[in-house]
Amino acid sequence: MHLAAAQRVDPDNNNGELVIQVPPEAAHLIAEGRNLRIGIEFSLEQPEGGVHFVLPDCEGTLAEVVI
């Protein structure tokens, strides 16, 4: 079951690919080799299993919060 779930987002199987169209206003960043930060939200509708990660909204790094 895990293999089937992983293959559902495997670009080698033509699944899960993400195409980002860079607006002309930001194209110079890429041409100059500068960073371009992109935020992506990803959710599964009715997942049959998996792991859920929760990151607390707090000051400092997660390693500092756990200690």
Protein backbone atom coordinates (compact mmCIF):
# COMPACT_ATOMS: atom_id res chain seq x y z
CA MET A 1 0.00 0.00 0.00
CA HIS A 2 2.86 2.42 0.78
CA LEU A 3 4.43 1.86 -2.65
CA ALA A 4 1.14 2.63 -4.39
CA ALA A 5 0.73 5.83 -2.36
CA ALA A 6 4.28 6.94 -3.11
CA GLN A 7 3.82 6.30 -6.82
CA ARG A 8 0.76 8.55 -6.87
CA VAL A 9 3.08 11.55 -6.50
CA ASP A 10 6.05 10.17 -8.46
CA PRO A 11 6.93 12.37 -11.46
CA ASP A 12 8.49 9.32 -13.14
CA ASN A 13 4.94 7.95 -13.33
CA ASN A 14 3.61 11.29 -14.66
CA ASN A 15 2.05 12.11 -11.30
CA GLY A 16 2.65 14.86 -8.79
CA GLU A 17 4.58 17.20 -11.03
CA LEU A 18 4.47 20.86 -10.17
CA VAL A 19 4.82 23.46 -12.90
CA ILE A 20 5.47 27.02 -11.78
CA GLN A 21 5.09 29.89 -14.20
CA VAL A 22 7.43 32.65 -13.12
CA PRO A 23 5.92 36.09 -13.72
CA PRO A 24 7.94 38.42 -15.95
CA GLU A 25 8.55 40.73 -12.97
CA ALA A 26 10.55 37.96 -11.23
CA ALA A 27 12.35 36.48 -14.25
CA HIS A 28 15.40 38.70 -13.62
CA LEU A 29 15.94 36.98 -10.26
CA ILE A 30 16.42 33.64 -11.97
CA ALA A 31 18.56 35.14 -14.74
CA GLU A 32 20.83 36.68 -12.09
CA GLY A 33 21.04 33.40 -10.15
CA ARG A 34 19.31 34.94 -7.14
CA ASN A 35 16.88 33.15 -4.85
CA LEU A 36 13.18 33.11 -5.58
CA ARG A 37 11.09 31.96 -2.64
CA ILE A 38 7.90 30.11 -3.51
CA GLY A 39 5.29 28.92 -1.02
CA ILE A 40 3.37 25.75 -1.83
CA GLU A 41 0.42 24.35 0.07
CA PHE A 42 -0.25 20.65 -0.40
CA SER A 43 -3.12 18.70 1.09
CA LEU A 44 -4.63 15.28 0.60
CA GLU A 45 -8.36 14.79 0.43
CA GLN A 46 -9.47 11.74 2.44
CA PRO A 47 -6.04 10.11 2.89
CA GLU A 48 -6.12 6.40 3.66
CA GLY A 49 -3.06 6.56 5.90
CA GLY A 50 0.16 8.37 6.53
CA VAL A 51 1.98 10.58 9.00
CA HIS A 52 0.76 13.98 10.16
CA PHE A 53 3.40 16.58 11.04
CA VAL A 54 2.51 19.56 13.21
CA LEU A 55 4.94 22.42 13.71
CA PRO A 56 4.21 24.67 16.67
CA ASP A 57 3.89 28.38 16.02
CA CYS A 58 6.41 29.63 18.57
CA GLU A 59 9.64 31.59 18.98
CA GLY A 60 12.99 29.97 18.22
CA THR A 61 13.78 26.80 16.34
CA LEU A 62 11.97 23.52 16.85
CA ALA A 63 15.15 22.02 18.37
CA GLU A 64 15.24 24.79 20.98
CA VAL A 65 11.57 24.29 21.86
CA VAL A 66 11.95 20.53 22.39
CA ILE A 67 14.93 20.89 24.75
